[in-house]
Protein backbone atom coordinates (compact mmCIF):
# COMPACT_ATOMS: atom_id res chain seq x y z
CA MET A 1 7.27 40.86 -9.08
CA PRO A 2 6.56 44.07 -11.05
CA SER A 3 3.69 43.70 -13.56
CA ARG A 4 5.95 44.41 -16.58
CA LEU A 5 8.31 41.57 -15.59
CA LEU A 6 5.37 39.22 -15.00
CA PHE A 7 3.90 40.11 -18.41
CA THR A 8 7.29 39.66 -20.13
CA THR A 9 7.80 36.28 -18.43
CA LEU A 10 4.32 35.13 -19.48
CA LEU A 11 4.83 36.36 -23.03
CA LEU A 12 8.20 34.61 -23.38
CA THR A 13 6.71 31.29 -22.28
CA LEU A 14 4.13 31.53 -25.06
CA LEU A 15 6.62 32.24 -27.86
CA PRO A 16 7.95 29.51 -30.18
CA ALA A 17 11.44 28.14 -29.53
CA GLY A 18 14.13 30.71 -30.35
CA ALA A 19 11.67 33.59 -30.64
CA ALA A 20 12.35 34.69 -27.07
CA ASP A 21 16.06 35.13 -27.77
CA ARG A 22 15.32 37.11 -30.94
CA ALA A 23 12.77 39.31 -29.13
CA LEU A 24 15.17 40.05 -26.27
CA ALA A 25 17.99 40.85 -28.71
CA SER A 26 16.07 43.73 -30.26
CA ASP A 27 17.07 47.13 -28.87
CA ALA A 28 13.53 48.43 -29.26
CA GLY A 29 12.02 45.31 -27.72
CA VAL A 30 9.74 44.77 -30.72
CA GLU A 31 10.57 43.94 -34.30
CA SER A 32 8.12 44.55 -37.08
CA ALA A 33 7.94 44.92 -40.83
CA PHE A 34 5.36 46.50 -43.10
CA VAL A 35 4.02 43.73 -45.33
CA ARG A 36 0.74 44.88 -46.89
CA LEU A 37 -1.61 47.80 -47.28
CA ALA A 38 -5.27 46.89 -47.83
CA ILE A 39 -7.39 49.30 -49.85
CA VAL A 40 -11.19 49.15 -49.81
CA VAL A 41 -12.29 49.33 -53.45
CA ALA A 42 -15.61 49.94 -55.19
CA ASP A 43 -14.96 47.88 -58.34
CA PRO A 44 -12.62 44.92 -57.72
CA GLU A 45 -11.95 44.08 -61.36
CA ARG A 46 -11.23 47.71 -62.29
CA SER A 47 -8.81 48.09 -59.37
CA LYS A 48 -7.10 44.75 -60.04
CA ARG A 49 -6.60 45.73 -63.68
CA PHE A 50 -5.20 49.14 -62.66
CA TYR A 51 -2.56 47.68 -60.33
CA THR A 52 -1.59 44.75 -62.59
CA GLU A 53 -1.68 46.36 -66.04
CA GLY A 54 -0.89 49.92 -64.98
CA LEU A 55 1.73 49.40 -62.27
CA GLY A 56 3.04 45.91 -63.02
CA TYR A 57 1.89 44.04 -59.89
CA ARG A 58 0.82 40.38 -60.06
CA VAL A 59 -1.98 38.57 -58.28
CA THR A 60 -0.76 36.14 -55.59
CA PHE A 61 -4.16 35.43 -54.01
CA GLU A 62 -7.75 36.17 -54.94
CA GLY A 63 -10.93 34.90 -53.35
CA ASP A 64 -13.84 35.38 -51.00
CA ILE A 65 -13.20 35.87 -47.31
CA THR A 66 -14.82 32.96 -45.48
CA ARG A 67 -12.83 32.62 -42.24
CA PRO A 68 -15.09 33.58 -39.32
CA ALA A 69 -12.36 35.51 -37.47
CA VAL A 70 -11.62 37.70 -40.49
CA ARG A 71 -15.34 38.25 -41.17
CA THR A 72 -15.73 39.39 -37.55
CA GLN A 73 -12.65 41.65 -37.80
CA LEU A 74 -14.19 43.34 -40.86
CA GLY A 75 -17.55 43.72 -39.11
CA LEU A 76 -19.43 41.84 -41.82
CA ALA A 77 -23.15 41.32 -41.23
CA GLU A 78 -24.92 38.06 -42.01
CA GLY A 79 -25.22 37.77 -45.80
CA GLN A 80 -22.49 40.28 -46.61
CA THR A 81 -19.68 39.02 -48.80
CA ALA A 82 -16.08 40.15 -48.93
CA TRP A 83 -13.57 39.60 -51.72
CA PHE A 84 -9.83 40.00 -51.20
CA CYS A 85 -6.96 40.12 -53.67
CA VAL A 86 -3.26 40.29 -52.77
CA LEU A 87 -0.93 41.92 -55.28
CA ALA A 88 2.85 41.65 -55.18
CA SER A 89 5.77 43.11 -57.06
CA ASP A 90 9.05 41.40 -57.86
CA ASN A 91 10.62 44.39 -56.08
CA VAL A 92 13.31 44.69 -58.75
CA VAL A 93 13.81 48.13 -60.30
CA ASP A 94 16.73 48.80 -62.64
CA GLY A 95 18.15 45.38 -61.77
CA GLU A 96 18.29 46.25 -58.08
CA GLN A 97 16.36 44.30 -55.44
CA ARG A 98 14.21 46.63 -53.34
CA ASP A 99 12.32 46.22 -50.12
CA GLY A 100 8.64 46.33 -50.82
CA ALA A 101 5.23 45.48 -49.53
CA MET A 102 2.16 43.91 -51.02
CA ILE A 103 -1.11 45.67 -51.81
CA GLY A 104 -4.42 44.14 -50.79
CA LEU A 105 -7.70 45.01 -52.52
CA LEU A 106 -10.86 44.50 -50.45
CA ALA A 107 -14.44 44.72 -51.74
CA ILE A 108 -17.52 44.25 -49.55
CA SER A 109 -20.99 43.72 -50.99
CA ASN A 110 -24.58 42.69 -50.15
CA PRO A 111 -24.85 45.58 -49.35
CA ALA A 112 -21.72 47.62 -49.85
CA PRO A 113 -20.78 49.79 -46.86
CA ALA A 114 -21.61 53.48 -46.88
CA THR A 115 -19.34 55.38 -49.23
CA MET A 116 -16.81 57.76 -47.70
CA ARG A 117 -15.76 60.77 -49.74
CA ARG A 118 -13.22 63.52 -49.26
CA PRO A 119 -14.55 66.90 -48.19
CA ASP A 120 -15.40 69.07 -51.22
CA GLY A 121 -12.28 70.54 -52.75
CA ALA A 122 -9.83 68.70 -50.45
CA ASP A 123 -6.89 66.98 -52.10
CA LEU A 124 -6.06 65.00 -48.95
CA ALA A 125 -8.22 64.12 -45.99
CA ILE A 126 -6.91 63.66 -42.43
CA GLY A 127 -5.89 60.04 -41.96
CA GLU A 128 -5.61 59.38 -45.68
CA GLY A 129 -2.50 57.55 -46.82
CA MET A 130 -0.43 57.71 -49.98
CA LEU A 131 1.34 54.79 -51.65
CA ALA A 132 4.91 55.34 -52.83
CA ILE A 133 6.05 53.20 -55.74
CA VAL A 134 9.48 53.15 -57.39
CA THR A 135 9.63 52.36 -61.10
CA SER A 136 12.28 52.05 -63.78
CA ASP A 137 10.20 53.95 -66.40
CA ILE A 138 7.93 56.70 -65.12
CA ARG A 139 6.79 57.77 -68.59
CA ALA A 140 5.63 54.24 -69.45
CA VAL A 141 3.78 54.02 -66.11
CA ARG A 142 2.20 57.42 -66.75
CA ASP A 143 0.95 56.34 -70.19
CA ARG A 144 -0.39 52.98 -68.93
CA VAL A 145 -2.26 54.39 -65.92
CA ALA A 146 -3.66 57.30 -67.97
CA ALA A 147 -5.00 54.80 -70.52
CA LEU A 148 -6.70 53.02 -67.60
CA GLY A 149 -8.40 56.26 -66.55
CA ALA A 150 -6.15 57.38 -63.68
CA ARG A 151 -6.43 61.00 -62.59
CA ILE A 152 -2.93 62.45 -62.98
CA LEU A 153 -2.46 65.07 -60.24
CA LEU A 154 1.16 65.93 -61.04
CA GLU A 155 2.71 65.06 -64.39
CA PRO A 156 6.23 63.56 -64.31
CA MET A 157 8.71 66.22 -63.26
CA ARG A 158 12.34 66.26 -62.19
CA SER A 159 12.97 66.73 -58.46
CA PRO A 160 14.84 69.91 -57.45
CA ASP A 161 18.08 67.97 -56.85
CA GLY A 162 17.79 66.22 -60.24
CA ARG A 163 18.08 62.72 -58.79
CA GLU A 164 14.48 61.62 -59.40
CA TRP A 165 11.50 61.95 -61.67
CA GLU A 166 8.24 62.12 -59.72
CA MET A 167 4.53 62.07 -60.44
CA VAL A 168 1.36 61.86 -58.35
CA LEU A 169 -1.91 60.23 -59.38
CA HIS A 170 -5.12 58.74 -58.03
CA ASP A 171 -6.05 55.09 -58.51
CA PRO A 172 -9.64 54.26 -59.56
CA ASP A 173 -10.87 54.68 -55.95
CA GLY A 174 -9.01 57.93 -55.29
CA VAL A 175 -5.98 56.48 -53.46
CA ARG A 176 -3.09 58.90 -53.91
CA ILE A 177 0.04 57.29 -55.41
CA HIS A 178 3.48 58.91 -55.56
CA VAL A 179 5.53 57.31 -58.36
CA VAL A 180 9.30 57.83 -58.43
CA GLU A 181 11.98 56.97 -60.98
CA ARG A 182 15.55 57.28 -59.71
CA THR A 183 18.06 58.74 -62.16
CA SER A 184 21.68 57.92 -62.83
CA PRO A 185 24.38 59.91 -61.00
CA ASP A 186 24.70 62.16 -64.09
CA GLY A 187 20.98 63.02 -63.80
CA SER A 188 19.80 61.08 -66.83
CA SER A 189 16.98 58.55 -66.67
CA ARG A 190 18.13 55.00 -66.24
């Protein structure tokens, strides 16, 4: 029996009832969905305030990480503590339900890990991600995040095709965020 067939047979026997049929039905052979991005933060309360007050997310979980498997996955040493907060959006913009993912905030202390910084003068570092967030009111978001100390990299501007307003900013830990407001078919803000 070829090794791929043996592996597939073994895998299918370990899946819950019905999962095998769903897995085999997928053209790609694997189904997945993006559910959360975790960001390592320096100041948990500052970051939580930025995402809740500035961008309208809500806290769905907040607490210390105590599960041994997760502590091992994070590489925590004896005595180190880790705090995790999960933020979610209602994923409704302009009355329309959107697909969306949650944001996780992770802070490690006692001691904090070595700080990583971008190379001098670099706007983006290799491997660095950027969040993309859709909003119904880009100007209100701009004012709220600016009041919370966000670094605005690109003020709200209309896209070349006129269908969106866009802005780019950094969160308190330097995570780049692309904020978009879709416009009505006539080009006006909704």
